[in-house]
C-alpha atoms as a PDB file:
ATOM      1  CA  MET A   1      14.816 -11.022   2.739  1.00  0.00           C
ATOM      2  CA  LYS A   2      17.663 -12.244   4.952  1.00  0.00           C
ATOM      3  CA  TYR A   3      18.622  -8.639   5.721  1.00  0.00           C
ATOM      4  CA  VAL A   4      15.025  -7.878   6.731  1.00  0.00           C
ATOM      5  CA  MET A   5      14.791 -10.798   9.175  1.00  0.00           C
ATOM      6  CA  LYS A   6      18.239 -10.057  10.586  1.00  0.00           C
ATOM      7  CA  SER A   7      17.271  -6.417  11.072  1.00  0.00           C
ATOM      8  CA  LEU A   8      14.114  -7.385  12.945  1.00  0.00           C
ATOM      9  CA  MET A   9      16.014  -9.785  15.208  1.00  0.00           C
ATOM     10  CA  VAL A  10      18.624  -7.121  15.998  1.00  0.00           C
ATOM     11  CA  ALA A  11      15.889  -4.594  16.775  1.00  0.00           C
ATOM     12  CA  PHE A  12      14.112  -7.032  19.123  1.00  0.00           C
ATOM     13  CA  LYS A  13      17.359  -7.574  21.032  1.00  0.00           C
ATOM     14  CA  GLU A  14      18.364  -3.912  21.152  1.00  0.00           C
ATOM     15  CA  ILE A  15      15.078  -2.464  22.433  1.00  0.00           C
ATOM     16  CA  ILE A  16      15.476  -4.408  25.681  1.00  0.00           C
ATOM     17  CA  THR A  17      18.979  -3.064  26.364  1.00  0.00           C
ATOM     18  CA  TRP A  18      19.404  -0.269  28.886  1.00  0.00           C
ATOM     19  CA  ASP A  19      20.772   2.113  26.210  1.00  0.00           C
ATOM     20  CA  ILE A  20      17.365   2.066  24.508  1.00  0.00           C
ATOM     21  CA  ILE A  21      15.128   1.505  27.526  1.00  0.00           C
ATOM     22  CA  LYS A  22      16.363   4.714  29.184  1.00  0.00           C
ATOM     23  CA  TYR A  23      15.161   6.690  26.142  1.00  0.00           C
ATOM     24  CA  VAL A  24      11.844   4.823  26.105  1.00  0.00           C
ATOM     25  CA  LEU A  25      11.230   5.496  29.803  1.00  0.00           C
ATOM     26  CA  LEU A  26      12.163   9.174  29.586  1.00  0.00           C
ATOM     27  CA  ILE A  27      10.392  10.065  26.344  1.00  0.00           C
ATOM     28  CA  GLY A  28       7.456   7.706  26.934  1.00  0.00           C
ATOM     29  CA  THR A  29       6.775   9.051  30.435  1.00  0.00           C
ATOM     30  CA  ILE A  30       6.887  12.695  29.321  1.00  0.00           C
ATOM     31  CA  VAL A  31       4.743  12.165  26.205  1.00  0.00           C
ATOM     32  CA  THR A  32       2.172   9.995  27.995  1.00  0.00           C
ATOM     33  CA  ALA A  33       1.922  12.414  30.949  1.00  0.00           C
ATOM     34  CA  PHE A  34       1.498  15.325  28.539  1.00  0.00           C
ATOM     35  CA  TRP A  35      -1.400  13.751  26.650  1.00  0.00           C
ATOM     36  CA  ILE A  36      -3.052  12.473  29.820  1.00  0.00           C
ATOM     37  CA  GLY A  37      -2.950  16.067  31.070  1.00  0.00           C
ATOM     38  CA  VAL A  38      -4.353  17.411  27.810  1.00  0.00           C
ATOM     39  CA  GLY A  39      -7.036  14.720  27.830  1.00  0.00           C
ATOM     40  CA  PHE A  40      -7.993  15.617  31.401  1.00  0.00           C
ATOM     41  CA  LEU A  41      -8.371  19.303  30.499  1.00  0.00           C
ATOM     42  CA  ILE A  42     -10.438  18.838  27.323  1.00  0.00           C
ATOM     43  CA  TRP A  43     -12.060  15.454  28.021  1.00  0.00           C
ATOM     44  CA  ASP A  44     -15.618  16.804  27.891  1.00  0.00           C
ATOM     45  CA  TYR A  45     -14.988  18.270  24.427  1.00  0.00           C
ATOM     46  CA  ILE A  46     -13.427  15.006  23.205  1.00  0.00           C
ATOM     47  CA  VAL A  47     -16.443  12.993  24.418  1.00  0.00           C
ATOM     48  CA  LEU A  48     -18.810  15.533  22.857  1.00  0.00           C
ATOM     49  CA  LEU A  49     -17.011  15.199  19.517  1.00  0.00           C
ATOM     50  CA  SER A  50     -17.033  11.408  19.837  1.00  0.00           C
ATOM     51  CA  SER A  51     -20.770  11.431  20.551  1.00  0.00           C
ATOM     52  CA  HIS A  52     -21.458  13.377  17.349  1.00  0.00           C
ATOM     53  CA  ILE A  53     -19.374  10.846  15.404  1.00  0.00           C
ATOM     54  CA  VAL A  54     -21.235   7.905  16.967  1.00  0.00           C
ATOM     55  CA  GLU A  55     -24.588   9.432  15.948  1.00  0.00           C
ATOM     56  CA  LEU A  56     -23.553   9.068  12.287  1.00  0.00           C
ATOM     57  CA  VAL A  57     -23.059   5.300  12.601  1.00  0.00           C
ATOM     58  CA  PRO A  58     -25.975   2.795  12.438  1.00  0.00           C
ATOM     59  CA  PHE A  59     -26.987   1.348  15.810  1.00  0.00           C
ATOM     60  CA  SER A  60     -26.442  -2.277  14.715  1.00  0.00           C
ATOM     61  CA  MET A  61     -22.882  -1.449  13.707  1.00  0.00           C
ATOM     62  CA  ILE A  62     -22.257   0.360  17.017  1.00  0.00           C
ATOM     63  CA  ARG A  63     -23.596  -2.598  18.978  1.00  0.00           C
ATOM     64  CA  SER A  64     -21.511  -5.129  17.055  1.00  0.00           C
ATOM     65  CA  ASN A  65     -18.293  -3.160  17.245  1.00  0.00           C
ATOM     66  CA  GLY A  66     -19.044  -2.110  20.820  1.00  0.00           C
ATOM     67  CA  ALA A  67     -18.995  -5.783  21.793  1.00  0.00           C
ATOM     68  CA  TRP A  68     -15.673  -6.227  19.992  1.00  0.00           C
ATOM     69  CA  MET A  69     -14.199  -3.123  21.672  1.00  0.00           C
ATOM     70  CA  LEU A  70     -15.328  -4.271  25.124  1.00  0.00           C
ATOM     71  CA  SER A  71     -13.889  -7.714  24.492  1.00  0.00           C
ATOM     72  CA  SER A  72     -10.559  -6.140  23.481  1.00  0.00           C
ATOM     73  CA  PHE A  73     -10.662  -3.800  26.477  1.00  0.00           C
ATOM     74  CA  LEU A  74     -11.252  -6.740  28.833  1.00  0.00           C
ATOM     75  CA  TRP A  75      -8.306  -8.610  27.278  1.00  0.00           C
ATOM     76  CA  LEU A  76      -6.092  -5.565  27.769  1.00  0.00           C
ATOM     77  CA  GLN A  77      -7.127  -5.146  31.410  1.00  0.00           C
ATOM     78  CA  LEU A  78      -6.442  -8.817  32.137  1.00  0.00           C
ATOM     79  CA  VAL A  79      -2.983  -8.528  30.544  1.00  0.00           C
ATOM     80  CA  LEU A  80      -2.118  -5.476  32.647  1.00  0.00           C
ATOM     81  CA  VAL A  81      -3.565  -6.961  35.858  1.00  0.00           C
ATOM     82  CA  THR A  82      -1.636 -10.210  35.310  1.00  0.00           C
ATOM     83  CA  PHE A  83       1.540  -8.211  34.721  1.00  0.00           C
ATOM     84  CA  ALA A  84       0.936  -6.140  37.889  1.00  0.00           C
ATOM     85  CA  LEU A  85       0.138  -9.184  40.051  1.00  0.00           C
ATOM     86  CA  ILE A  86       3.295 -11.002  38.958  1.00  0.00           C
ATOM     87  CA  HIS A  87       5.380  -7.980  39.901  1.00  0.00           C
ATOM     88  CA  ALA A  88       3.502  -7.430  43.160  1.00  0.00           C
ATOM     89  CA  PHE A  89       3.861 -11.005  44.414  1.00  0.00           C
ATOM     90  CA  PHE A  90       7.085 -12.107  42.737  1.00  0.00           C
ATOM     91  CA  GLY A  91       8.960  -8.841  42.163  1.00  0.00           C
ATOM     92  CA  ASN A  92      11.382  -9.283  45.068  1.00  0.00           C
ATOM     93  CA  LEU A  93      11.930 -12.933  44.180  1.00  0.00           C
ATOM     94  CA  ILE A  94      12.709 -11.997  40.573  1.00  0.00           C
ATOM     95  CA  LEU A  95      15.272  -9.433  41.745  1.00  0.00           C
ATOM     96  CA  GLN A  96      17.146 -12.189  43.583  1.00  0.00           C
ATOM     97  CA  TYR A  97      17.793 -14.010  40.294  1.00  0.00           C
ATOM     98  CA  VAL A  98      17.786 -11.162  37.761  1.00  0.00           C
ATOM     99  CA  SER A  99      20.237  -8.264  37.875  1.00  0.00           C
ATOM    100  CA  LYS A 100      18.880  -4.726  38.056  1.00  0.00           C
ATOM    101  CA  GLU A 101      20.347  -4.030  34.618  1.00  0.00           C
ATOM    102  CA  ARG A 102      18.229  -6.838  33.125  1.00  0.00           C
ATOM    103  CA  TYR A 103      15.140  -6.226  35.250  1.00  0.00           C
ATOM    104  CA  SER A 104      13.545  -3.865  32.695  1.00  0.00           C
ATOM    105  CA  SER A 105      14.127  -6.393  29.915  1.00  0.00           C
ATOM    106  CA  PHE A 106      12.636  -9.141  32.084  1.00  0.00           C
ATOM    107  CA  SER A 107       9.592  -6.942  32.785  1.00  0.00           C
ATOM    108  CA  ILE A 108       8.964  -6.558  29.063  1.00  0.00           C
ATOM    109  CA  LEU A 109       9.206 -10.331  28.677  1.00  0.00           C
ATOM    110  CA  ILE A 110       6.618 -10.793  31.441  1.00  0.00           C
ATOM    111  CA  LEU A 111       4.291  -8.327  29.681  1.00  0.00           C
ATOM    112  CA  ILE A 112       4.664 -10.167  26.371  1.00  0.00           C
ATOM    113  CA  LEU A 113       4.016 -13.543  28.035  1.00  0.00           C
ATOM    114  CA  SER A 114       0.936 -12.123  29.795  1.00  0.00           C
ATOM    115  CA  ALA A 115      -0.357 -10.903  26.431  1.00  0.00           C
ATOM    116  CA  LEU A 116       0.307 -14.318  24.863  1.00  0.00           C
ATOM    117  CA  LEU A 117      -1.399 -16.132  27.745  1.00  0.00           C
ATOM    118  CA  TRP A 118      -4.625 -14.149  27.453  1.00  0.00           C
ATOM    119  CA  GLY A 119      -4.288 -14.134  23.665  1.00  0.00           C
ATOM    120  CA  ILE A 120      -4.516 -17.947  23.739  1.00  0.00           C
ATOM    121  CA  VAL A 121      -7.614 -17.739  25.957  1.00  0.00           C
ATOM    122  CA  TRP A 122      -9.224 -15.267  23.535  1.00  0.00           C
ATOM    123  CA  PHE A 123      -8.252 -17.442  20.567  1.00  0.00           C
ATOM    124  CA  PHE A 124     -10.333 -20.332  21.928  1.00  0.00           C
ATOM    125  CA  GLU A 125     -13.059 -18.410  23.805  1.00  0.00           C
ATOM    126  CA  GLY A 126     -13.138 -15.084  21.951  1.00  0.00           C
ATOM    127  CA  ASP A 127     -16.392 -15.836  20.104  1.00  0.00           C
ATOM    128  CA  TYR A 128     -18.162 -16.704  23.365  1.00  0.00           C
ATOM    129  CA  ILE A 129     -16.897 -13.542  25.114  1.00  0.00           C
ATOM    130  CA  TYR A 130     -17.950 -11.433  22.131  1.00  0.00           C
ATOM    131  CA  SER A 131     -21.444 -12.968  22.058  1.00  0.00           C
ATOM    132  CA  GLU A 132     -21.933 -12.317  25.776  1.00  0.00           C
ATOM    133  CA  PHE A 133     -20.983  -8.659  25.381  1.00  0.00           C
ATOM    134  CA  LEU A 134     -23.292  -8.456  22.378  1.00  0.00           C
ATOM    135  CA  LYS A 135     -26.192  -9.710  24.536  1.00  0.00           C
ATOM    136  CA  LEU A 136     -25.335  -7.142  27.199  1.00  0.00           C
ATOM    137  CA  LEU A 137     -25.306  -4.285  24.697  1.00  0.00           C
ATOM    138  CA  THR A 138     -28.629  -5.459  23.242  1.00  0.00           C
ATOM    139  CA  TRP A 139     -30.283  -4.925  26.654  1.00  0.00           C
ATOM    140  CA  LEU A 140     -28.828  -1.434  27.182  1.00  0.00           C
ATOM    141  CA  PRO A 141     -30.624   1.742  26.009  1.00  0.00           C
ATOM    142  CA  PHE A 142     -29.080   3.443  22.979  1.00  0.00           C
ATOM    143  CA  GLU A 143     -28.127   6.553  24.998  1.00  0.00           C
ATOM    144  CA  THR A 144     -26.105   4.469  27.462  1.00  0.00           C
ATOM    145  CA  LEU A 145     -24.384   2.551  24.682  1.00  0.00           C
ATOM    146  CA  GLU A 146     -23.683   5.743  22.743  1.00  0.00           C
ATOM    147  CA  LYS A 147     -22.023   7.374  25.754  1.00  0.00           C
ATOM    148  CA  GLY A 148     -19.906   4.285  26.473  1.00  0.00           C
ATOM    149  CA  ILE A 149     -18.660   4.061  22.876  1.00  0.00           C
ATOM    150  CA  ALA A 150     -17.964   7.816  22.905  1.00  0.00           C
ATOM    151  CA  PHE A 151     -15.709   7.325  25.938  1.00  0.00           C
ATOM    152  CA  LEU A 152     -13.814   4.511  24.186  1.00  0.00           C
ATOM    153  CA  ILE A 153     -13.375   6.684  21.084  1.00  0.00           C
ATOM    154  CA  GLY A 154     -12.008   9.423  23.344  1.00  0.00           C
ATOM    155  CA  TYR A 155      -9.364   7.022  24.664  1.00  0.00           C
ATOM    156  CA  TYR A 156      -8.628   5.996  21.066  1.00  0.00           C
ATOM    157  CA  ILE A 157      -7.964   9.630  20.087  1.00  0.00           C
ATOM    158  CA  ILE A 158      -5.608  10.216  23.029  1.00  0.00           C
ATOM    159  CA  TYR A 159      -3.842   6.898  22.360  1.00  0.00           C
ATOM    160  CA  ASN A 160      -3.151   7.816  18.734  1.00  0.00           C
ATOM    161  CA  ALA A 161      -1.934  11.256  19.820  1.00  0.00           C
ATOM    162  CA  ILE A 162       0.653   9.494  22.025  1.00  0.00           C
ATOM    163  CA  ILE A 163       1.724   7.262  19.102  1.00  0.00           C
ATOM    164  CA  ILE A 164       2.150  10.245  16.744  1.00  0.00           C
ATOM    165  CA  THR A 165       4.092  12.280  19.313  1.00  0.00           C
ATOM    166  CA  MET A 166       6.370   9.346  20.192  1.00  0.00           C
ATOM    167  CA  LEU A 167       7.187   8.907  16.491  1.00  0.00           C
ATOM    168  CA  PHE A 168       7.905  12.627  16.067  1.00  0.00           C
ATOM    169  CA  VAL A 169      10.160  12.906  19.140  1.00  0.00           C
ATOM    170  CA  THR A 170      11.992   9.643  18.360  1.00  0.00           C
ATOM    171  CA  SER A 171      12.654  10.903  14.828  1.00  0.00           C
ATOM    172  CA  ILE A 172      14.171  14.140  16.141  1.00  0.00           C
ATOM    173  CA  LEU A 173      16.367  12.200  18.589  1.00  0.00           C
ATOM    174  CA  SER A 174      17.217   9.381  16.166  1.00  0.00           C
ATOM    175  CA  GLU A 175      20.914  10.340  15.960  1.00  0.00           C
ATOM    176  CA  PRO A 176      21.766   9.743  19.662  1.00  0.00           C
ATOM    177  CA  ILE A 177      19.427   6.740  19.762  1.00  0.00           C
ATOM    178  CA  ILE A 178      21.057   5.046  16.777  1.00  0.00           C
ATOM    179  CA  SER A 179      24.645   6.022  17.660  1.00  0.00           C
ATOM    180  CA  SER A 180      25.131   3.109  20.097  1.00  0.00           C
ATOM    181  CA  ILE A 181      23.694   0.672  17.516  1.00  0.00           C
ATOM    182  CA  ALA A 182      26.029   1.997  14.831  1.00  0.00           C
ATOM    183  CA  LYS A 183      29.098   1.633  17.064  1.00  0.00           C
ATOM    184  CA  LYS A 184      28.115  -1.810  18.297  1.00  0.00           C
ATOM    185  CA  HIS A 185      27.237  -3.429  14.972  1.00  0.00           C
ATOM    186  CA  PHE A 186      29.120  -1.394  12.352  1.00  0.00           C
ATOM    187  CA  ASN A 187      31.898   0.369  14.285  1.00  0.00           C
ATOM    188  CA  MET A 188      30.887   3.758  12.877  1.00  0.00           C
ATOM    189  CA  GLU A 189      29.782   7.205  13.963  1.00  0.00           C
ATOM    190  CA  VAL A 190      26.480   8.607  12.742  1.00  0.00           C
ATOM    191  CA  VAL A 191      25.954  12.221  11.706  1.00  0.00           C
ATOM    192  CA  ARG A 192      22.498  13.625  11.004  1.00  0.00           C
ATOM    193  CA  ASP A 193      22.324  16.101   8.091  1.00  0.00           C
ATOM    194  CA  ASN A 194      18.740  15.640   6.836  1.00  0.00           C
ATOM    195  CA  LEU A 195      16.573  16.254   9.904  1.00  0.00           C
ATOM    196  CA  PHE A 196      14.228  18.737   8.215  1.00  0.00           C
ATOM    197  CA  ILE A 197      13.448  16.320   5.367  1.00  0.00           C
ATOM    198  CA  SER A 198      12.350  13.736   7.935  1.00  0.00           C
ATOM    199  CA  ILE A 199      10.270  16.309   9.851  1.00  0.00           C
ATOM    200  CA  LYS A 200       8.580  17.331   6.590  1.00  0.00           C
ATOM    201  CA  TYR A 201       7.581  13.744   5.824  1.00  0.00           C
ATOM    202  CA  THR A 202       6.451  13.152   9.419  1.00  0.00           C
ATOM    203  CA  LEU A 203       4.183  16.205   9.381  1.00  0.00           C
ATOM    204  CA  LYS A 204       2.816  15.310   5.914  1.00  0.00           C
ATOM    205  CA  ASN A 205       2.077  11.698   6.870  1.00  0.00           C
ATOM    206  CA  THR A 206       0.559  12.768  10.187  1.00  0.00           C
ATOM    207  CA  LEU A 207      -1.867  15.043   8.321  1.00  0.00           C
ATOM    208  CA  ILE A 208      -2.733  12.233   5.883  1.00  0.00           C
ATOM    209  CA  PHE A 209      -3.127   9.832   8.828  1.00  0.00           C
ATOM    210  CA  ILE A 210      -5.597  12.173  10.550  1.00  0.00           C
ATOM    211  CA  LEU A 211      -7.608  12.845   7.376  1.00  0.00           C
ATOM    212  CA  ALA A 212      -7.677   9.151   6.433  1.00  0.00           C
ATOM    213  CA  SER A 213      -8.739   8.234   9.991  1.00  0.00           C
ATOM    214  CA  ILE A 214     -11.669  10.646   9.731  1.00  0.00           C
ATOM    215  CA  ILE A 215     -12.730   9.413   6.276  1.00  0.00           C
ATOM    216  CA  LEU A 216     -12.350   5.717   7.153  1.00  0.00           C
ATOM    217  CA  PHE A 217     -13.745   6.040  10.670  1.00  0.00           C
ATOM    218  CA  PRO A 218     -17.041   4.189   9.946  1.00  0.00           C
ATOM    219  CA  LEU A 219     -14.982   1.154   8.877  1.00  0.00           C
ATOM    220  CA  LEU A 220     -13.410   1.060  12.341  1.00  0.00           C
ATOM    221  CA  PHE A 221     -16.793  -0.238  13.533  1.00  0.00           C
ATOM    222  CA  VAL A 222     -16.558  -3.338  11.337  1.00  0.00           C
ATOM    223  CA  PRO A 223     -14.759  -6.247  13.065  1.00  0.00           C
ATOM    224  CA  ILE A 224     -11.641  -7.596  11.273  1.00  0.00           C
ATOM    225  CA  ILE A 225     -11.810  -4.792   8.685  1.00  0.00           C
ATOM    226  CA  ASN A 226     -11.107  -2.330  11.505  1.00  0.00           C
ATOM    227  CA  LEU A 227      -7.893  -4.198  12.373  1.00  0.00           C
ATOM    228  CA  ILE A 228      -6.728  -4.114   8.744  1.00  0.00           C
ATOM    229  CA  ILE A 229      -7.563  -0.414   8.401  1.00  0.00           C
ATOM    230  CA  GLN A 230      -5.841   0.475  11.677  1.00  0.00           C
ATOM    231  CA  ILE A 231      -2.652  -1.407  10.765  1.00  0.00           C
ATOM    232  CA  LEU A 232      -2.542   0.231   7.317  1.00  0.00           C
ATOM    233  CA  LEU A 233      -3.018   3.677   8.883  1.00  0.00           C
ATOM    234  CA  TRP A 234      -0.184   3.094  11.359  1.00  0.00           C
ATOM    235  CA  VAL A 235       2.115   1.673   8.652  1.00  0.00           C
ATOM    236  CA  TRP A 236       1.459   4.713   6.475  1.00  0.00           C
ATOM    237  CA  LEU A 237       2.168   7.011   9.416  1.00  0.00           C
ATOM    238  CA  ILE A 238       5.575   5.532  10.258  1.00  0.00           C
ATOM    239  CA  LYS A 239       7.080   4.127   7.033  1.00  0.00           C
ATOM    240  CA  ASP A 240       8.474   7.343   5.522  1.00  0.00           C
ATOM    241  CA  THR A 241       9.729   8.752   8.810  1.00  0.00           C
ATOM    242  CA  ILE A 242      11.730   5.736   9.941  1.00  0.00           C
ATOM    243  CA  SER A 243      13.037   4.912   6.448  1.00  0.00           C
ATOM    244  CA  ILE A 244      14.308   8.457   5.817  1.00  0.00           C
ATOM    245  CA  ASP A 245      15.763   8.678   9.342  1.00  0.00           C
ATOM    246  CA  ALA A 246      17.528   5.353   8.901  1.00  0.00           C
ATOM    247  CA  LEU A 247      18.843   6.070   5.416  1.00  0.00           C
ATOM    248  CA  SER A 248      20.187   9.503   6.393  1.00  0.00           C
ATOM    249  CA  LEU A 249      22.038   7.952   9.357  1.00  0.00           C
ATOM    250  CA  ALA A 250      23.285   4.928   7.407  1.00  0.00           C
ATOM    251  CA  ASN A 251      24.852   6.975   4.608  1.00  0.00           C
ATOM    252  CA  LYS A 252      25.826  10.659   4.420  1.00  0.00           C
ATOM    253  CA  GLN A 253      24.898  10.687   0.736  1.00  0.00           C
ATOM    254  CA  MET A 254      21.211   9.919   1.147  1.00  0.00           C
ATOM    255  CA  ASP A 255      19.872   8.199  -1.976  1.00  0.00           C
ATOM    256  CA  LEU A 256      16.067   8.304  -1.911  1.00  0.00           C
ATOM    257  CA  ASN A 257      15.991   5.897  -4.862  1.00  0.00           C
ATOM    258  CA  LEU A 258      17.022   3.168  -2.428  1.00  0.00           C
ATOM    259  CA  ILE A 259      13.730   3.688  -0.601  1.00  0.00           C
ATOM    260  CA  LYS A 260      11.841   3.155  -3.861  1.00  0.00           C
ATOM    261  CA  GLU A 261      13.883   0.045  -4.673  1.00  0.00           C
ATOM    262  CA  LYS A 262      13.323  -1.516  -1.226  1.00  0.00           C
ATOM    263  CA  ARG A 263       9.660  -0.569  -0.885  1.00  0.00           C
ATOM    264  CA  ALA A 264       8.482  -4.086   0.021  1.00  0.00           C
ATOM    265  CA  ALA A 265      11.073  -4.439   2.793  1.00  0.00           C
ATOM    266  CA  ILE A 266      10.196  -0.996   4.168  1.00  0.00           C
ATOM    267  CA  TRP A 267       6.485  -1.849   4.272  1.00  0.00           C
ATOM    268  CA  PHE A 268       7.201  -5.159   6.012  1.00  0.00           C
ATOM    269  CA  ILE A 269       9.444  -3.609   8.684  1.00  0.00           C
ATOM    270  CA  SER A 270       6.858  -0.846   9.178  1.00  0.00           C
ATOM    271  CA  PHE A 271       4.119  -3.494   9.495  1.00  0.00           C
ATOM    272  CA  VAL A 272       6.001  -5.311  12.286  1.00  0.00           C
ATOM    273  CA  THR A 273       6.673  -1.947  13.953  1.00  0.00           C
ATOM    274  CA  ALA A 274       2.974  -1.037  13.808  1.00  0.00           C
ATOM    275  CA  LEU A 275       1.988  -4.250  15.614  1.00  0.00           C
ATOM    276  CA  PHE A 276       3.590  -2.894  18.796  1.00  0.00           C
ATOM    277  CA  ASN A 277       0.889  -0.204  18.893  1.00  0.00           C
ATOM    278  CA  PHE A 278      -1.821  -2.741  19.684  1.00  0.00           C
ATOM    279  CA  ILE A 279      -0.458  -3.242  23.209  1.00  0.00           C
ATOM    280  CA  PRO A 280      -0.212  -0.223  25.548  1.00  0.00           C
ATOM    281  CA  ILE A 281       3.252   0.224  27.103  1.00  0.00           C
ATOM    282  CA  LEU A 282       4.773  -1.793  24.255  1.00  0.00           C
ATOM    283  CA  ASN A 283       3.534   0.951  21.908  1.00  0.00           C
ATOM    284  CA  LEU A 284       6.161   3.220  23.490  1.00  0.00           C
ATOM    285  CA  PHE A 285       8.849   0.912  22.069  1.00  0.00           C
ATOM    286  CA  SER A 286       7.366   0.968  18.553  1.00  0.00           C
ATOM    287  CA  PRO A 287       9.266   3.918  16.993  1.00  0.00           C
ATOM    288  CA  PHE A 288      12.546   2.807  18.600  1.00  0.00           C
ATOM    289  CA  PHE A 289      12.110  -0.682  17.179  1.00  0.00           C
ATOM    290  CA  GLY A 290      11.348   0.728  13.738  1.00  0.00           C
ATOM    291  CA  GLU A 291      14.291   3.143  13.725  1.00  0.00           C
ATOM    292  CA  ILE A 292      16.756   0.415  14.787  1.00  0.00           C
ATOM    293  CA  ALA A 293      15.446  -2.235  12.380  1.00  0.00           C
ATOM    294  CA  MET A 294      15.363   0.157   9.429  1.00  0.00           C
ATOM    295  CA  PHE A 295      18.848   1.541  10.152  1.00  0.00           C
ATOM    296  CA  TYR A 296      20.340  -1.944  10.422  1.00  0.00           C
ATOM    297  CA  TYR A 297      18.601  -2.970   7.198  1.00  0.00           C
ATOM    298  CA  PHE A 298      19.810   0.002   5.131  1.00  0.00           C
ATOM    299  CA  LYS A 299      23.335  -0.155   6.545  1.00  0.00           C
ATOM    300  CA  SER A 300      23.553  -3.863   5.723  1.00  0.00           C
ATOM    301  CA  ILE A 301      22.325  -3.210   2.176  1.00  0.00           C
ATOM    302  CA  ILE A 302      24.803  -0.362   1.649  1.00  0.00           C
ATOM    303  CA  ASN A 303      27.752  -2.321   3.076  1.00  0.00           C
ATOM    304  CA  ASN A 304      27.065  -5.299   0.825  1.00  0.00           C
ATOM    305  CA  LYS A 305      26.547  -3.452  -2.426  1.00  0.00           C
END
């Protein structure tokens, strides 16, 4: 377990270094812009599909989960607005005390603190906010509520498309991403010889993720259960990709039995990685965090055998 915790701590530190942030900014901007463009072009079809899905769910379940989704959406907007206001009013002041090289890292810290601040508010007042949204949705006609939920589902589809694409691109580029980590912590060069194996697992798990999301979709309208289901879906999506990437980079002779032996550690690292996906912007860091943590874990295990 000590290797797992150490790996997570290293990953947290490394994702806020410029070597990693430059990849996040480049890949994240391109992937997000691509899916926003795709969403803009086919948005009407996405909403139409979402509306058909909503029609299959009982109204009481839609109303209950609609209140939860609106509450979560309000929390997210307050986090982003707080983050933007801090930068707008204090950005120049921050630059006087923080170097440009550390400014990106400091921005991530501000985002995390904003999320924690409003998370505390929701912890104490979340039930009240939920009940007020529930009252609002009770007064609205079903057609209005159905259309609103369909729009939120549309955003959910685009958001997951960004997560899947980020994982796929990060996996392909894992060698240059991990190279600086390998030199810094293990004084070694990494060579990637098993890229197609990783791509195969990524494509397979993506297909399973999509099919499971469709089958389990009604459960996403049940508060608390929807969080558990979503985390499990994301963990399943990423665990094989980042573990195979990491193992192939940590040792030229890739022993897949090590993945079976360390299954619990892999699931735990993947679980922590999946939590990033709950916060937009931070979700762009998720695959990088997972790749770094898993590589450090496997390399530590191999070195201490």
